[in-house]
Amino acid sequence: MASEPTLSSLAVLASSSSLPEDHTSPSSALTGKTKEQLRKHYLRTLHKVIDQSDIVILVLDARDPEGCRSRLVEEEVRRRECEGKKLVFVLNKIGEFCYSVGLTSVFTPSQT
């Protein structure tokens, strides 16, 4: 039995499906699924992961925390806060961290 794809592999497949078809690439040989089918599978898998988790940790690049955030994951976890789901942000690559930019962009409340 084939194993289910991971969220990261689905994201790679979805992004590569928007590119022109290249029959020599391994991603085109993996599946004939459309971009919409991959998106639906990604969402189902995301819901399963959040259902089974109490805490979801989003690891953000400290050089560009806004650029690497996943709004979809954030919204889904926040929607389920009443079920006890928690969202934790972790900054990675702190050695290259620009404190004046990073702290204000991460810890400023969003306008939601």
PDB file of N, CA and C in Angstrom:
ATOM      1  N   MET A   1       0.845  -1.169   0.000  1.00  0.00           N
ATOM      2  CA  MET A   1       0.000   0.000   0.000  1.00  0.00           C
ATOM      3  C   MET A   1       0.895   1.239   0.000  1.00  0.00           C
ATOM      4  N   ALA A   2       0.607   2.199  -0.849  1.00  0.00           N
ATOM      5  CA  ALA A   2       1.397   3.416  -0.932  1.00  0.00           C
ATOM      6  C   ALA A   2       1.096   4.325   0.248  1.00  0.00           C
ATOM      7  N   SER A   3       2.123   5.013   0.729  1.00  0.00           N
ATOM      8  CA  SER A   3       1.921   5.918   1.858  1.00  0.00           C
ATOM      9  C   SER A   3       1.299   7.217   1.370  1.00  0.00           C
ATOM     10  N   GLU A   4       0.575   7.881   2.285  1.00  0.00           N
ATOM     11  CA  GLU A   4      -0.040   9.155   1.936  1.00  0.00           C
ATOM     12  C   GLU A   4       1.033  10.223   1.811  1.00  0.00           C
ATOM     13  N   PRO A   5       0.855  11.157   0.880  1.00  0.00           N
ATOM     14  CA  PRO A   5       1.844  12.223   0.736  1.00  0.00           C
ATOM     15  C   PRO A   5       1.803  13.162   1.937  1.00  0.00           C
ATOM     16  N   THR A   6       2.934  13.784   2.223  1.00  0.00           N
ATOM     17  CA  THR A   6       3.000  14.746   3.313  1.00  0.00           C
ATOM     18  C   THR A   6       2.508  16.100   2.828  1.00  0.00           C
ATOM     19  N   LEU A   7       2.264  17.021   3.769  1.00  0.00           N
ATOM     20  CA  LEU A   7       1.816  18.356   3.399  1.00  0.00           C
ATOM     21  C   LEU A   7       2.846  19.065   2.537  1.00  0.00           C
ATOM     22  N   SER A   8       4.119  18.904   2.857  1.00  0.00           N
ATOM     23  CA  SER A   8       5.148  19.583   2.076  1.00  0.00           C
ATOM     24  C   SER A   8       5.242  19.020   0.663  1.00  0.00           C
ATOM     25  N   SER A   9       5.089  17.710   0.510  1.00  0.00           N
ATOM     26  CA  SER A   9       5.158  17.151  -0.837  1.00  0.00           C
ATOM     27  C   SER A   9       3.944  17.552  -1.661  1.00  0.00           C
ATOM     28  N   LEU A  10       2.790  17.700  -1.014  1.00  0.00           N
ATOM     29  CA  LEU A  10       1.607  18.173  -1.732  1.00  0.00           C
ATOM     30  C   LEU A  10       1.767  19.621  -2.180  1.00  0.00           C
ATOM     31  N   ALA A  11       2.370  20.440  -1.330  1.00  0.00           N
ATOM     32  CA  ALA A  11       2.601  21.829  -1.690  1.00  0.00           C
ATOM     33  C   ALA A  11       3.550  21.923  -2.879  1.00  0.00           C
ATOM     34  N   VAL A  12       4.581  21.090  -2.894  1.00  0.00           N
ATOM     35  CA  VAL A  12       5.520  21.076  -4.011  1.00  0.00           C
ATOM     36  C   VAL A  12       4.813  20.631  -5.284  1.00  0.00           C
ATOM     37  N   LEU A  13       3.998  19.597  -5.192  1.00  0.00           N
ATOM     38  CA  LEU A  13       3.267  19.129  -6.373  1.00  0.00           C
ATOM     39  C   LEU A  13       2.288  20.184  -6.879  1.00  0.00           C
ATOM     40  N   ALA A  14       1.610  20.867  -5.969  1.00  0.00           N
ATOM     41  CA  ALA A  14       0.652  21.889  -6.372  1.00  0.00           C
ATOM     42  C   ALA A  14       1.351  23.053  -7.060  1.00  0.00           C
ATOM     43  N   SER A  15       2.492  23.460  -6.530  1.00  0.00           N
ATOM     44  CA  SER A  15       3.204  24.576  -7.150  1.00  0.00           C
ATOM     45  C   SER A  15       3.809  24.176  -8.489  1.00  0.00           C
ATOM     46  N   SER A  16       4.249  22.944  -8.609  1.00  0.00           N
ATOM     47  CA  SER A  16       4.841  22.513  -9.877  1.00  0.00           C
ATOM     48  C   SER A  16       3.783  22.242 -10.933  1.00  0.00           C
ATOM     49  N   SER A  17       2.535  22.006 -10.528  1.00  0.00           N
ATOM     50  CA  SER A  17       1.496  21.746 -11.516  1.00  0.00           C
ATOM     51  C   SER A  17       1.088  23.003 -12.264  1.00  0.00           C
ATOM     52  N   SER A  18       1.425  24.192 -11.715  1.00  0.00           N
ATOM     53  CA  SER A  18       1.105  25.423 -12.411  1.00  0.00           C
ATOM     54  C   SER A  18       2.144  25.752 -13.479  1.00  0.00           C
ATOM     55  N   LEU A  19       3.267  25.058 -13.447  1.00  0.00           N
ATOM     56  CA  LEU A  19       4.304  25.253 -14.444  1.00  0.00           C
ATOM     57  C   LEU A  19       3.960  24.473 -15.702  1.00  0.00           C
ATOM     58  N   PRO A  20       4.540  24.846 -16.853  1.00  0.00           N
ATOM     59  CA  PRO A  20       4.292  24.077 -18.072  1.00  0.00           C
ATOM     60  C   PRO A  20       4.723  22.627 -17.886  1.00  0.00           C
ATOM     61  N   GLU A  21       3.991  21.737 -18.510  1.00  0.00           N
ATOM     62  CA  GLU A  21       4.269  20.317 -18.338  1.00  0.00           C
ATOM     63  C   GLU A  21       5.607  19.942 -18.944  1.00  0.00           C
ATOM     64  N   ASP A  22       6.389  19.244 -18.179  1.00  0.00           N
ATOM     65  CA  ASP A  22       7.667  18.731 -18.622  1.00  0.00           C
ATOM     66  C   ASP A  22       7.658  17.246 -18.297  1.00  0.00           C
ATOM     67  N   HIS A  23       7.500  16.416 -19.306  1.00  0.00           N
ATOM     68  CA  HIS A  23       7.336  14.981 -19.070  1.00  0.00           C
ATOM     69  C   HIS A  23       8.614  14.318 -18.570  1.00  0.00           C
ATOM     70  N   THR A  24       9.729  15.042 -18.561  1.00  0.00           N
ATOM     71  CA  THR A  24      10.953  14.465 -18.048  1.00  0.00           C
ATOM     72  C   THR A  24      11.082  14.670 -16.541  1.00  0.00           C
ATOM     73  N   SER A  25      10.266  15.561 -15.963  1.00  0.00           N
ATOM     74  CA  SER A  25      10.377  15.809 -14.521  1.00  0.00           C
ATOM     75  C   SER A  25       9.699  14.693 -13.743  1.00  0.00           C
ATOM     76  N   PRO A  26      10.234  14.356 -12.575  1.00  0.00           N
ATOM     77  CA  PRO A  26       9.650  13.276 -11.780  1.00  0.00           C
ATOM     78  C   PRO A  26       8.267  13.625 -11.241  1.00  0.00           C
ATOM     79  N   SER A  27       7.973  14.916 -11.018  1.00  0.00           N
ATOM     80  CA  SER A  27       6.668  15.279 -10.458  1.00  0.00           C
ATOM     81  C   SER A  27       5.537  14.998 -11.433  1.00  0.00           C
ATOM     82  N   SER A  28       5.780  15.124 -12.738  1.00  0.00           N
ATOM     83  CA  SER A  28       4.719  14.843 -13.699  1.00  0.00           C
ATOM     84  C   SER A  28       4.467  13.342 -13.815  1.00  0.00           C
ATOM     85  N   ALA A  29       5.459  12.543 -13.495  1.00  0.00           N
ATOM     86  CA  ALA A  29       5.285  11.103 -13.549  1.00  0.00           C
ATOM     87  C   ALA A  29       4.594  10.565 -12.300  1.00  0.00           C
ATOM     88  N   LEU A  30       4.647  11.321 -11.206  1.00  0.00           N
ATOM     89  CA  LEU A  30       4.076  10.850  -9.943  1.00  0.00           C
ATOM     90  C   LEU A  30       2.562  10.729  -9.997  1.00  0.00           C
ATOM     91  N   THR A  31       1.907  11.729 -10.545  1.00  0.00           N
ATOM     92  CA  THR A  31       0.465  11.735 -10.476  1.00  0.00           C
ATOM     93  C   THR A  31      -0.132  12.528 -11.625  1.00  0.00           C
ATOM     94  N   GLY A  32      -1.333  12.153 -12.016  1.00  0.00           N
ATOM     95  CA  GLY A  32      -2.044  12.879 -13.044  1.00  0.00           C
ATOM     96  C   GLY A  32      -3.110  13.772 -12.436  1.00  0.00           C
ATOM     97  N   LYS A  33      -3.026  14.010 -11.127  1.00  0.00           N
ATOM     98  CA  LYS A  33      -4.045  14.784 -10.442  1.00  0.00           C
ATOM     99  C   LYS A  33      -3.996  16.247 -10.861  1.00  0.00           C
ATOM    100  N   THR A  34      -5.134  16.853 -10.836  1.00  0.00           N
ATOM    101  CA  THR A  34      -5.194  18.269 -11.145  1.00  0.00           C
ATOM    102  C   THR A  34      -4.814  19.080  -9.922  1.00  0.00           C
ATOM    103  N   LYS A  35      -4.590  20.352 -10.137  1.00  0.00           N
ATOM    104  CA  LYS A  35      -4.218  21.242  -9.043  1.00  0.00           C
ATOM    105  C   LYS A  35      -5.333  21.301  -7.999  1.00  0.00           C
ATOM    106  N   GLU A  36      -6.566  21.288  -8.436  1.00  0.00           N
ATOM    107  CA  GLU A  36      -7.708  21.342  -7.506  1.00  0.00           C
ATOM    108  C   GLU A  36      -7.790  20.077  -6.655  1.00  0.00           C
ATOM    109  N   GLN A  37      -7.527  18.916  -7.241  1.00  0.00           N
ATOM    110  CA  GLN A  37      -7.528  17.666  -6.478  1.00  0.00           C
ATOM    111  C   GLN A  37      -6.420  17.668  -5.429  1.00  0.00           C
ATOM    112  N   LEU A  38      -5.244  18.195  -5.785  1.00  0.00           N
ATOM    113  CA  LEU A  38      -4.145  18.281  -4.832  1.00  0.00           C
ATOM    114  C   LEU A  38      -4.494  19.239  -3.697  1.00  0.00           C
ATOM    115  N   ARG A  39      -5.136  20.343  -4.025  1.00  0.00           N
ATOM    116  CA  ARG A  39      -5.545  21.316  -3.017  1.00  0.00           C
ATOM    117  C   ARG A  39      -6.545  20.695  -2.044  1.00  0.00           C
ATOM    118  N   LYS A  40      -7.514  19.953  -2.570  1.00  0.00           N
ATOM    119  CA  LYS A  40      -8.509  19.302  -1.711  1.00  0.00           C
ATOM    120  C   LYS A  40      -7.853  18.275  -0.799  1.00  0.00           C
ATOM    121  N   HIS A  41      -6.908  17.514  -1.338  1.00  0.00           N
ATOM    122  CA  HIS A  41      -6.207  16.521  -0.529  1.00  0.00           C
ATOM    123  C   HIS A  41      -5.369  17.208   0.546  1.00  0.00           C
ATOM    124  N   TYR A  42      -4.713  18.301   0.187  1.00  0.00           N
ATOM    125  CA  TYR A  42      -3.936  19.086   1.153  1.00  0.00           C
ATOM    126  C   TYR A  42      -4.844  19.562   2.288  1.00  0.00           C
ATOM    127  N   LEU A  43      -6.015  20.088   1.964  1.00  0.00           N
ATOM    128  CA  LEU A  43      -6.942  20.583   2.981  1.00  0.00           C
ATOM    129  C   LEU A  43      -7.451  19.461   3.880  1.00  0.00           C
ATOM    130  N   ARG A  44      -7.780  18.305   3.284  1.00  0.00           N
ATOM    131  CA  ARG A  44      -8.221  17.161   4.100  1.00  0.00           C
ATOM    132  C   ARG A  44      -7.125  16.740   5.068  1.00  0.00           C
ATOM    133  N   THR A  45      -5.891  16.679   4.576  1.00  0.00           N
ATOM    134  CA  THR A  45      -4.769  16.292   5.419  1.00  0.00           C
ATOM    135  C   THR A  45      -4.524  17.338   6.503  1.00  0.00           C
ATOM    136  N   LEU A  46      -4.638  18.611   6.153  1.00  0.00           N
ATOM    137  CA  LEU A  46      -4.486  19.678   7.139  1.00  0.00           C
ATOM    138  C   LEU A  46      -5.525  19.551   8.243  1.00  0.00           C
ATOM    139  N   HIS A  47      -6.770  19.286   7.867  1.00  0.00           N
ATOM    140  CA  HIS A  47      -7.832  19.123   8.863  1.00  0.00           C
ATOM    141  C   HIS A  47      -7.558  17.925   9.775  1.00  0.00           C
ATOM    142  N   LYS A  48      -7.068  16.824   9.204  1.00  0.00           N
ATOM    143  CA  LYS A  48      -6.734  15.645  10.016  1.00  0.00           C
ATOM    144  C   LYS A  48      -5.638  15.968  11.029  1.00  0.00           C
ATOM    145  N   VAL A  49      -4.598  16.676  10.573  1.00  0.00           N
ATOM    146  CA  VAL A  49      -3.484  17.015  11.454  1.00  0.00           C
ATOM    147  C   VAL A  49      -3.957  17.920  12.579  1.00  0.00           C
ATOM    148  N   ILE A  50      -4.751  18.918  12.259  1.00  0.00           N
ATOM    149  CA  ILE A  50      -5.241  19.844  13.288  1.00  0.00           C
ATOM    150  C   ILE A  50      -6.189  19.127  14.235  1.00  0.00           C
ATOM    151  N   ASP A  51      -7.016  18.229  13.720  1.00  0.00           N
ATOM    152  CA  ASP A  51      -7.919  17.452  14.582  1.00  0.00           C
ATOM    153  C   ASP A  51      -7.143  16.646  15.617  1.00  0.00           C
ATOM    154  N   GLN A  52      -6.012  16.093  15.219  1.00  0.00           N
ATOM    155  CA  GLN A  52      -5.242  15.228  16.097  1.00  0.00           C
ATOM    156  C   GLN A  52      -4.258  15.989  16.985  1.00  0.00           C
ATOM    157  N   SER A  53      -4.140  17.304  16.785  1.00  0.00           N
ATOM    158  CA  SER A  53      -3.153  18.102  17.519  1.00  0.00           C
ATOM    159  C   SER A  53      -3.821  18.964  18.577  1.00  0.00           C
ATOM    160  N   ASP A  54      -3.105  19.171  19.672  1.00  0.00           N
ATOM    161  CA  ASP A  54      -3.523  20.138  20.680  1.00  0.00           C
ATOM    162  C   ASP A  54      -2.830  21.471  20.435  1.00  0.00           C
ATOM    163  N   ILE A  55      -1.583  21.395  19.984  1.00  0.00           N
ATOM    164  CA  ILE A  55      -0.781  22.585  19.718  1.00  0.00           C
ATOM    165  C   ILE A  55      -0.206  22.471  18.310  1.00  0.00           C
ATOM    166  N   VAL A  56      -0.317  23.544  17.536  1.00  0.00           N
ATOM    167  CA  VAL A  56       0.267  23.603  16.199  1.00  0.00           C
ATOM    168  C   VAL A  56       1.397  24.621  16.255  1.00  0.00           C
ATOM    169  N   ILE A  57       2.585  24.209  15.856  1.00  0.00           N
ATOM    170  CA  ILE A  57       3.760  25.079  15.884  1.00  0.00           C
ATOM    171  C   ILE A  57       4.091  25.499  14.460  1.00  0.00           C
ATOM    172  N   LEU A  58       4.111  26.813  14.231  1.00  0.00           N
ATOM    173  CA  LEU A  58       4.519  27.353  12.936  1.00  0.00           C
ATOM    174  C   LEU A  58       5.921  27.914  13.090  1.00  0.00           C
ATOM    175  N   VAL A  59       6.863  27.354  12.364  1.00  0.00           N
ATOM    176  CA  VAL A  59       8.240  27.816  12.415  1.00  0.00           C
ATOM    177  C   VAL A  59       8.413  28.856  11.318  1.00  0.00           C
ATOM    178  N   LEU A  60       8.776  30.075  11.722  1.00  0.00           N
ATOM    179  CA  LEU A  60       8.910  31.195  10.802  1.00  0.00           C
ATOM    180  C   LEU A  60      10.379  31.573  10.639  1.00  0.00           C
ATOM    181  N   ASP A  61      10.739  31.985   9.451  1.00  0.00           N
ATOM    182  CA  ASP A  61      12.089  32.476   9.201  1.00  0.00           C
ATOM    183  C   ASP A  61      12.201  33.865   9.825  1.00  0.00           C
ATOM    184  N   ALA A  62      13.158  34.045  10.724  1.00  0.00           N
ATOM    185  CA  ALA A  62      13.289  35.304  11.452  1.00  0.00           C
ATOM    186  C   ALA A  62      13.623  36.477  10.537  1.00  0.00           C
ATOM    187  N   ARG A  63      14.193  36.207   9.370  1.00  0.00           N
ATOM    188  CA  ARG A  63      14.524  37.293   8.446  1.00  0.00           C
ATOM    189  C   ARG A  63      13.290  37.834   7.745  1.00  0.00           C
ATOM    190  N   ASP A  64      12.261  36.988   7.581  1.00  0.00           N
ATOM    191  CA  ASP A  64      11.033  37.404   6.903  1.00  0.00           C
ATOM    192  C   ASP A  64       9.842  36.645   7.476  1.00  0.00           C
ATOM    193  N   PRO A  65       9.436  36.960   8.702  1.00  0.00           N
ATOM    194  CA  PRO A  65       8.348  36.199   9.321  1.00  0.00           C
ATOM    195  C   PRO A  65       7.015  36.351   8.590  1.00  0.00           C
ATOM    196  N   GLU A  66       6.746  37.520   8.062  1.00  0.00           N
ATOM    197  CA  GLU A  66       5.478  37.733   7.351  1.00  0.00           C
ATOM    198  C   GLU A  66       5.439  36.950   6.039  1.00  0.00           C
ATOM    199  N   GLY A  67       6.573  36.824   5.391  1.00  0.00           N
ATOM    200  CA  GLY A  67       6.628  36.163   4.100  1.00  0.00           C
ATOM    201  C   GLY A  67       6.479  34.654   4.148  1.00  0.00           C
ATOM    202  N   CYS A  68       6.753  34.048   5.291  1.00  0.00           N
ATOM    203  CA  CYS A  68       6.698  32.584   5.356  1.00  0.00           C
ATOM    204  C   CYS A  68       5.550  32.074   6.214  1.00  0.00           C
ATOM    205  N   ARG A  69       4.647  32.966   6.617  1.00  0.00           N
ATOM    206  CA  ARG A  69       3.493  32.537   7.414  1.00  0.00           C
ATOM    207  C   ARG A  69       2.491  31.803   6.528  1.00  0.00           C
ATOM    208  N   SER A  70       1.794  30.861   7.122  1.00  0.00           N
ATOM    209  CA  SER A  70       0.733  30.146   6.411  1.00  0.00           C
ATOM    210  C   SER A  70      -0.606  30.609   6.962  1.00  0.00           C
ATOM    211  N   ARG A  71      -1.225  31.533   6.253  1.00  0.00           N
ATOM    212  CA  ARG A  71      -2.504  32.102   6.702  1.00  0.00           C
ATOM    213  C   ARG A  71      -3.578  31.030   6.801  1.00  0.00           C
ATOM    214  N   LEU A  72      -3.549  30.063   5.907  1.00  0.00           N
ATOM    215  CA  LEU A  72      -4.535  28.985   5.918  1.00  0.00           C
ATOM    216  C   LEU A  72      -4.469  28.195   7.222  1.00  0.00           C
ATOM    217  N   VAL A  73      -3.267  27.828   7.637  1.00  0.00           N
ATOM    218  CA  VAL A  73      -3.097  27.076   8.882  1.00  0.00           C
ATOM    219  C   VAL A  73      -3.500  27.940  10.071  1.00  0.00           C
ATOM    220  N   GLU A  74      -3.069  29.198  10.074  1.00  0.00           N
ATOM    221  CA  GLU A  74      -3.404  30.097  11.175  1.00  0.00           C
ATOM    222  C   GLU A  74      -4.912  30.249  11.341  1.00  0.00           C
ATOM    223  N   GLU A  75      -5.610  30.494  10.236  1.00  0.00           N
ATOM    224  CA  GLU A  75      -7.057  30.676  10.299  1.00  0.00           C
ATOM    225  C   GLU A  75      -7.762  29.425  10.789  1.00  0.00           C
ATOM    226  N   GLU A  76      -7.302  28.271  10.321  1.00  0.00           N
ATOM    227  CA  GLU A  76      -7.939  27.014  10.712  1.00  0.00           C
ATOM    228  C   GLU A  76      -7.757  26.737  12.204  1.00  0.00           C
ATOM    229  N   VAL A  77      -6.558  26.985  12.722  1.00  0.00           N
ATOM    230  CA  VAL A  77      -6.310  26.752  14.151  1.00  0.00           C
ATOM    231  C   VAL A  77      -7.083  27.770  14.984  1.00  0.00           C
ATOM    232  N   ARG A  78      -7.082  29.020  14.570  1.00  0.00           N
ATOM    233  CA  ARG A  78      -7.811  30.050  15.321  1.00  0.00           C
ATOM    234  C   ARG A  78      -9.307  29.778  15.321  1.00  0.00           C
ATOM    235  N   ARG A  79      -9.807  29.228  14.239  1.00  0.00           N
ATOM    236  CA  ARG A  79     -11.227  28.895  14.162  1.00  0.00           C
ATOM    237  C   ARG A  79     -11.590  27.803  15.171  1.00  0.00           C
ATOM    238  N   ARG A  80     -10.609  26.995  15.531  1.00  0.00           N
ATOM    239  CA  ARG A  80     -10.844  25.881  16.450  1.00  0.00           C
ATOM    240  C   ARG A  80     -10.323  26.146  17.866  1.00  0.00           C
ATOM    241  N   GLU A  81     -10.056  27.397  18.197  1.00  0.00           N
ATOM    242  CA  GLU A  81      -9.573  27.710  19.544  1.00  0.00           C
ATOM    243  C   GLU A  81     -10.568  27.280  20.618  1.00  0.00           C
ATOM    244  N   CYS A  82     -11.845  27.309  20.302  1.00  0.00           N
ATOM    245  CA  CYS A  82     -12.859  26.891  21.275  1.00  0.00           C
ATOM    246  C   CYS A  82     -12.741  25.399  21.593  1.00  0.00           C
ATOM    247  N   GLU A  83     -12.094  24.630  20.718  1.00  0.00           N
ATOM    248  CA  GLU A  83     -11.864  23.204  20.953  1.00  0.00           C
ATOM    249  C   GLU A  83     -10.566  22.958  21.720  1.00  0.00           C
ATOM    250  N   GLY A  84      -9.883  24.037  22.120  1.00  0.00           N
ATOM    251  CA  GLY A  84      -8.644  23.906  22.874  1.00  0.00           C
ATOM    252  C   GLY A  84      -7.390  23.868  22.016  1.00  0.00           C
ATOM    253  N   LYS A  85      -7.502  24.156  20.738  1.00  0.00           N
ATOM    254  CA  LYS A  85      -6.333  24.163  19.852  1.00  0.00           C
ATOM    255  C   LYS A  85      -5.524  25.437  20.099  1.00  0.00           C
ATOM    256  N   LYS A  86      -4.212  25.304  20.141  1.00  0.00           N
ATOM    257  CA  LYS A  86      -3.313  26.431  20.369  1.00  0.00           C
ATOM    258  C   LYS A  86      -2.360  26.573  19.197  1.00  0.00           C
ATOM    259  N   LEU A  87      -1.993  27.818  18.900  1.00  0.00           N
ATOM    260  CA  LEU A  87      -1.075  28.124  17.818  1.00  0.00           C
ATOM    261  C   LEU A  87       0.157  28.798  18.412  1.00  0.00           C
ATOM    262  N   VAL A  88       1.344  28.253  18.104  1.00  0.00           N
ATOM    263  CA  VAL A  88       2.596  28.786  18.615  1.00  0.00           C
ATOM    264  C   VAL A  88       3.481  29.151  17.428  1.00  0.00           C
ATOM    265  N   PHE A  89       4.025  30.384  17.462  1.00  0.00           N
ATOM    266  CA  PHE A  89       4.967  30.829  16.445  1.00  0.00           C
ATOM    267  C   PHE A  89       6.377  30.676  16.983  1.00  0.00           C
ATOM    268  N   VAL A  90       7.261  30.105  16.177  1.00  0.00           N
ATOM    269  CA  VAL A  90       8.669  29.940  16.549  1.00  0.00           C
ATOM    270  C   VAL A  90       9.504  30.609  15.471  1.00  0.00           C
ATOM    271  N   LEU A  91      10.441  31.475  15.900  1.00  0.00           N
ATOM    272  CA  LEU A  91      11.340  32.131  14.952  1.00  0.00           C
ATOM    273  C   LEU A  91      12.610  31.308  14.806  1.00  0.00           C
ATOM    274  N   ASN A  92      12.978  31.016  13.576  1.00  0.00           N
ATOM    275  CA  ASN A  92      14.164  30.232  13.264  1.00  0.00           C
ATOM    276  C   ASN A  92      15.250  31.157  12.726  1.00  0.00           C
ATOM    277  N   LYS A  93      16.500  30.730  12.796  1.00  0.00           N
ATOM    278  CA  LYS A  93      17.660  31.491  12.307  1.00  0.00           C
ATOM    279  C   LYS A  93      17.821  32.787  13.080  1.00  0.00           C
ATOM    280  N   ILE A  94      17.731  32.685  14.377  1.00  0.00           N
ATOM    281  CA  ILE A  94      17.799  33.860  15.230  1.00  0.00           C
ATOM    282  C   ILE A  94      19.155  34.561  15.137  1.00  0.00           C
ATOM    283  N   GLY A  95      20.206  33.863  14.705  1.00  0.00           N
ATOM    284  CA  GLY A  95      21.528  34.471  14.559  1.00  0.00           C
ATOM    285  C   GLY A  95      21.550  35.570  13.525  1.00  0.00           C
ATOM    286  N   GLU A  96      20.666  35.503  12.551  1.00  0.00           N
ATOM    287  CA  GLU A  96      20.606  36.511  11.498  1.00  0.00           C
ATOM    288  C   GLU A  96      19.400  37.430  11.681  1.00  0.00           C
ATOM    289  N   PHE A  97      18.879  37.484  12.867  1.00  0.00           N
ATOM    290  CA  PHE A  97      17.632  38.186  13.154  1.00  0.00           C
ATOM    291  C   PHE A  97      17.856  39.689  13.252  1.00  0.00           C
ATOM    292  N   CYS A  98      17.058  40.468  12.567  1.00  0.00           N
ATOM    293  CA  CYS A  98      17.081  41.923  12.654  1.00  0.00           C
ATOM    294  C   CYS A  98      16.001  42.323  13.658  1.00  0.00           C
ATOM    295  N   TYR A  99      16.395  42.644  14.861  1.00  0.00           N
ATOM    296  CA  TYR A  99      15.437  42.890  15.938  1.00  0.00           C
ATOM    297  C   TYR A  99      14.469  44.027  15.624  1.00  0.00           C
ATOM    298  N   SER A 100      14.933  45.077  14.976  1.00  0.00           N
ATOM    299  CA  SER A 100      14.055  46.223  14.736  1.00  0.00           C
ATOM    300  C   SER A 100      12.927  45.883  13.769  1.00  0.00           C
ATOM    301  N   VAL A 101      13.179  44.990  12.836  1.00  0.00           N
ATOM    302  CA  VAL A 101      12.145  44.606  11.875  1.00  0.00           C
ATOM    303  C   VAL A 101      11.341  43.418  12.373  1.00  0.00           C
ATOM    304  N   GLY A 102      12.019  42.398  12.833  1.00  0.00           N
ATOM    305  CA  GLY A 102      11.378  41.135  13.195  1.00  0.00           C
ATOM    306  C   GLY A 102      10.412  41.225  14.346  1.00  0.00           C
ATOM    307  N   LEU A 103      10.813  41.855  15.425  1.00  0.00           N
ATOM    308  CA  LEU A 103       9.943  41.903  16.594  1.00  0.00           C
ATOM    309  C   LEU A 103       8.669  42.683  16.323  1.00  0.00           C
ATOM    310  N   THR A 104       8.765  43.769  15.587  1.00  0.00           N
ATOM    311  CA  THR A 104       7.553  44.545  15.316  1.00  0.00           C
ATOM    312  C   THR A 104       6.616  43.811  14.375  1.00  0.00           C
ATOM    313  N   SER A 105       7.165  43.061  13.403  1.00  0.00           N
ATOM    314  CA  SER A 105       6.296  42.376  12.449  1.00  0.00           C
ATOM    315  C   SER A 105       5.658  41.124  13.049  1.00  0.00           C
ATOM    316  N   VAL A 106       6.318  40.462  13.990  1.00  0.00           N
ATOM    317  CA  VAL A 106       5.784  39.237  14.565  1.00  0.00           C
ATOM    318  C   VAL A 106       4.826  39.535  15.718  1.00  0.00           C
ATOM    319  N   PHE A 107       5.187  40.486  16.543  1.00  0.00           N
ATOM    320  CA  PHE A 107       4.422  40.701  17.755  1.00  0.00           C
ATOM    321  C   PHE A 107       3.441  41.864  17.681  1.00  0.00           C
ATOM    322  N   THR A 108       3.215  42.389  16.499  1.00  0.00           N
ATOM    323  CA  THR A 108       2.198  43.398  16.315  1.00  0.00           C
ATOM    324  C   THR A 108       0.887  42.693  16.080  1.00  0.00           C
ATOM    325  N   PRO A 109      -0.175  43.039  16.820  1.00  0.00           N
ATOM    326  CA  PRO A 109      -1.466  42.357  16.609  1.00  0.00           C
ATOM    327  C   PRO A 109      -1.960  42.569  15.177  1.00  0.00           C
ATOM    328  N   SER A 110      -2.513  41.520  14.623  1.00  0.00           N
ATOM    329  CA  SER A 110      -3.008  41.606  13.254  1.00  0.00           C
ATOM    330  C   SER A 110      -4.344  42.322  13.230  1.00  0.00           C
ATOM    331  N   GLN A 111      -4.672  42.867  12.095  1.00  0.00           N
ATOM    332  CA  GLN A 111      -5.949  43.558  11.926  1.00  0.00           C
ATOM    333  C   GLN A 111      -6.992  42.595  11.412  1.00  0.00           C
ATOM    334  N   THR A 112      -7.417  41.644  12.267  1.00  0.00           N
ATOM    335  CA  THR A 112      -8.441  40.667  11.864  1.00  0.00           C
ATOM    336  C   THR A 112      -9.718  40.918  12.583  1.00  0.00           C
TER     337      THR A 112
END
